[in-house]
Amino acid sequence: DDIFRYVEKKGMEMQLGIKRNNDQASFMFAALREIRNGDKKRMSEDGEEDEDARPIIGPLMGPAVKEDNSEATVPPDFSPPDVLEFVGLETDLPVGFLRLRWAMLNTSSSFLKDAFYADIMKYEKIEIQQWSTNDNDIGLPKPPDGVDESSFLHATLEYSYLMPKSAFVKANMCYGTLEILHYDNHCLVLRSQGF
């Protein structure tokens, strides 16, 4: 009932419209953010309203990686792996691939936990376990001598979090597993399963 009252009250202010398929994910996130925050506005440093302003929570991307400074070149014989048949969300990020891979996969990184799950998604009771194999090596810009990146394939990582209540559901504990399907210096494919 809350959502219907909200739309009834704010319906014209939401500026709903038809969006292209590429914009659908960002549009849905913006709509959910507006429903969650309602009339709350954030103020930027110059005093103007800024809905997207967030405090910086720290250098969570890890150290800069020298190899990320050069232009990304794809080898002539490279083709995307078959497991990339479906692309769920595609975006350009102003960070190097190797640094991003470390931030997302290495268990010593707190990027996913602090910047994504806690800050953006507002999850609580976040627990991220270790990788089932090669825990200290997954995500490193260069694997240690004697470690083959192909041994990272099908490694799994379990995680859990408390999803906050919303207009649709009460707070729920969620459990999930990440599995590495493809891992190299040009591409990364993860399968996420949750319940």
Protein backbone atom coordinates (compact mmCIF):
# COMPACT_ATOMS: atom_id res chain seq x y z
CA ASP A 1 0.00 0.00 0.00
CA ASP A 2 2.91 2.37 0.76
CA ILE A 3 4.13 2.33 -2.83
CA PHE A 4 0.68 3.15 -4.20
CA ARG A 5 0.30 6.06 -1.77
CA TYR A 6 3.76 7.29 -2.70
CA VAL A 7 3.05 7.15 -6.45
CA GLU A 8 -0.32 8.77 -5.89
CA LYS A 9 1.35 11.60 -3.96
CA LYS A 10 4.53 11.96 -6.06
CA GLY A 11 3.56 10.40 -9.38
CA MET A 12 4.02 13.46 -11.54
CA GLU A 13 7.37 14.33 -9.91
CA MET A 14 8.96 10.98 -10.76
CA GLN A 15 9.31 11.88 -14.46
CA LEU A 16 8.56 8.37 -15.65
CA GLY A 17 9.09 7.61 -19.30
CA ILE A 18 10.13 4.96 -21.78
CA LYS A 19 13.85 4.21 -21.65
CA ARG A 20 16.14 2.39 -24.08
CA ASN A 21 17.17 -1.11 -23.04
CA ASN A 22 20.76 0.05 -22.30
CA ASP A 23 19.43 2.63 -19.84
CA GLN A 24 17.00 0.24 -18.13
CA ALA A 25 19.28 -0.85 -15.27
CA SER A 26 20.35 2.69 -14.35
CA PHE A 27 16.75 3.88 -14.69
CA MET A 28 15.52 1.17 -12.32
CA PHE A 29 18.24 1.99 -9.77
CA ALA A 30 17.30 5.69 -9.96
CA ALA A 31 13.60 4.89 -9.48
CA LEU A 32 14.34 2.63 -6.51
CA ARG A 33 16.62 5.28 -5.01
CA GLU A 34 13.85 7.88 -5.32
CA ILE A 35 11.31 5.56 -3.73
CA ARG A 36 13.72 4.77 -0.84
CA ASN A 37 14.84 8.34 -0.21
CA GLY A 38 11.57 10.15 -0.92
CA ASP A 39 11.99 13.86 -0.32
CA LYS A 40 15.47 13.54 1.22
CA LYS A 41 17.96 15.59 -0.78
CA ARG A 42 21.71 15.75 -0.29
CA MET A 43 23.65 18.97 -0.33
CA SER A 44 26.88 19.28 -2.28
CA GLU A 45 29.87 21.21 -0.93
CA ASP A 46 28.77 24.42 -2.70
CA GLY A 47 25.34 24.26 -1.01
CA GLU A 48 23.33 23.10 -4.01
CA GLU A 49 21.12 20.01 -3.91
CA ASP A 50 22.92 16.91 -5.12
CA GLU A 51 21.13 13.57 -4.87
CA ASP A 52 24.19 11.54 -5.89
CA ALA A 53 26.72 13.16 -3.50
CA ARG A 54 28.17 10.57 -1.14
CA PRO A 55 30.95 10.86 1.37
CA ILE A 56 34.18 9.18 0.32
CA ILE A 57 34.64 6.10 2.49
CA GLY A 58 38.29 5.45 1.78
CA PRO A 59 40.72 4.19 -0.86
CA LEU A 60 39.06 0.77 -1.21
CA MET A 61 40.24 0.04 -4.76
CA GLY A 62 43.67 -0.91 -3.47
CA PRO A 63 47.05 0.14 -4.80
CA ALA A 64 47.46 1.37 -8.36
CA VAL A 65 48.65 -1.28 -10.80
CA LYS A 66 51.44 -0.22 -13.17
CA GLU A 67 50.13 -2.42 -16.01
CA ASP A 68 46.80 -0.53 -15.94
CA ASN A 69 48.54 2.72 -17.01
CA SER A 70 49.07 1.55 -20.58
CA GLU A 71 46.30 1.45 -23.14
CA ALA A 72 44.20 -1.70 -23.06
CA THR A 73 44.94 -3.76 -26.14
CA VAL A 74 43.17 -6.95 -27.03
CA PRO A 75 45.31 -9.70 -28.54
CA PRO A 76 44.39 -10.45 -32.17
CA ASP A 77 43.40 -14.03 -31.32
CA PHE A 78 41.16 -13.02 -28.38
CA SER A 79 37.45 -13.71 -28.51
CA PRO A 80 35.07 -13.36 -25.58
CA PRO A 81 34.42 -16.67 -23.82
CA ASP A 82 31.18 -18.53 -24.47
CA VAL A 83 30.07 -17.92 -20.88
CA LEU A 84 29.72 -14.22 -21.81
CA GLU A 85 26.77 -14.96 -24.06
CA PHE A 86 24.45 -12.83 -21.91
CA VAL A 87 25.57 -9.42 -20.69
CA GLY A 88 23.47 -8.24 -17.75
CA LEU A 89 24.99 -4.81 -17.19
CA GLU A 90 27.62 -3.04 -19.25
CA THR A 91 29.30 0.14 -18.07
CA ASP A 92 32.58 2.02 -18.48
CA LEU A 93 34.53 2.55 -15.27
CA PRO A 94 37.41 5.00 -14.81
CA VAL A 95 39.69 2.37 -13.27
CA GLY A 96 42.11 -0.17 -14.67
CA PHE A 97 40.94 -3.75 -15.12
CA LEU A 98 43.62 -5.36 -12.94
CA ARG A 99 42.94 -2.96 -10.07
CA LEU A 100 39.19 -3.51 -10.36
CA ARG A 101 39.68 -7.29 -10.47
CA TRP A 102 41.73 -7.10 -7.25
CA ALA A 103 39.09 -4.94 -5.54
CA MET A 104 36.27 -7.30 -6.50
CA LEU A 105 37.94 -10.67 -5.97
CA ASN A 106 40.81 -10.52 -3.51
CA THR A 107 39.64 -11.43 0.00
CA SER A 108 41.92 -8.81 1.57
CA SER A 109 39.91 -6.11 -0.24
CA SER A 110 36.92 -4.58 1.53
CA PHE A 111 35.60 -2.87 -1.61
CA LEU A 112 32.52 -5.07 -2.18
CA LYS A 113 31.66 -5.23 1.50
CA ASP A 114 32.13 -1.56 2.44
CA ALA A 115 31.52 0.36 -0.79
CA PHE A 116 28.89 -1.78 -2.50
CA TYR A 117 26.99 -4.01 -0.07
CA ALA A 118 27.04 -1.64 2.94
CA ASP A 119 27.12 1.85 1.40
CA ILE A 120 25.19 1.50 -1.86
CA MET A 121 22.85 -1.41 -1.16
CA LYS A 122 22.45 -0.66 2.59
CA TYR A 123 22.90 -4.33 3.54
CA GLU A 124 23.79 -5.29 7.09
CA LYS A 125 25.40 -8.32 8.76
CA ILE A 126 27.62 -8.80 5.70
CA GLU A 127 29.87 -11.86 5.78
CA ILE A 128 32.20 -12.81 2.93
CA GLN A 129 34.07 -16.12 3.22
CA GLN A 130 37.31 -17.20 1.53
CA TRP A 131 37.68 -18.66 -1.96
CA SER A 132 37.49 -22.46 -2.05
CA THR A 133 40.93 -22.65 -3.71
CA ASN A 134 43.87 -20.24 -4.16
CA ASP A 135 42.35 -17.76 -1.71
CA ASN A 136 45.49 -15.60 -1.39
CA ASP A 137 46.16 -15.56 -5.16
CA ILE A 138 42.79 -14.81 -6.76
CA GLY A 139 42.58 -11.18 -7.85
CA LEU A 140 46.30 -10.43 -7.72
CA PRO A 141 47.56 -8.43 -10.73
CA LYS A 142 50.11 -11.19 -11.38
CA PRO A 143 49.88 -14.67 -9.86
CA PRO A 144 52.87 -15.91 -7.82
CA ASP A 145 55.43 -18.15 -9.51
CA GLY A 146 54.15 -21.69 -9.85
CA VAL A 147 50.45 -20.69 -9.70
CA ASP A 148 48.47 -21.11 -12.92
CA GLU A 149 45.42 -18.86 -13.32
CA SER A 150 43.52 -21.76 -14.85
CA SER A 151 43.42 -23.27 -11.34
CA PHE A 152 41.13 -20.36 -10.35
CA LEU A 153 38.34 -21.64 -12.59
CA HIS A 154 35.31 -22.91 -10.69
CA ALA A 155 36.63 -21.57 -7.39
CA THR A 156 33.68 -20.53 -5.23
CA LEU A 157 33.17 -17.92 -2.54
CA GLU A 158 30.19 -17.86 -0.20
CA TYR A 159 28.67 -14.67 1.20
CA SER A 160 25.62 -13.56 3.17
CA TYR A 161 23.92 -10.30 4.15
CA LEU A 162 20.74 -8.92 5.65
CA MET A 163 18.72 -7.19 2.95
CA PRO A 164 16.77 -4.25 4.46
CA LYS A 165 13.02 -4.14 4.42
CA SER A 166 11.40 -2.33 1.53
CA ALA A 167 7.94 -1.34 0.42
CA PHE A 168 7.57 -4.86 -1.01
CA VAL A 169 9.20 -7.25 1.50
CA LYS A 170 10.37 -7.41 5.11
CA ALA A 171 14.10 -7.65 5.94
CA ASN A 172 15.55 -10.96 4.72
CA MET A 173 18.80 -12.81 5.24
CA CYS A 174 20.30 -13.67 1.84
CA TYR A 175 22.95 -16.28 1.08
CA GLY A 176 24.93 -16.53 -2.12
CA THR A 177 27.85 -18.08 -3.94
CA LEU A 178 30.20 -16.55 -6.51
CA GLU A 179 31.88 -18.89 -8.98
CA ILE A 180 34.69 -17.95 -11.36
CA LEU A 181 33.81 -19.12 -14.88
CA HIS A 182 36.55 -17.28 -16.79
CA TYR A 183 39.68 -15.53 -15.53
CA ASP A 184 42.47 -13.89 -17.52
CA ASN A 185 44.02 -10.43 -18.05
CA HIS A 186 41.35 -9.36 -20.53
CA CYS A 187 38.12 -10.79 -19.20
CA LEU A 188 36.47 -11.98 -16.01
CA VAL A 189 33.22 -13.94 -15.79
CA LEU A 190 31.53 -14.64 -12.47
CA ARG A 191 28.35 -16.58 -11.79
CA SER A 192 26.40 -15.36 -8.79
CA GLN A 193 23.74 -17.58 -7.26
CA GLY A 194 21.72 -16.44 -4.30
CA PHE A 195 18.70 -17.30 -2.24
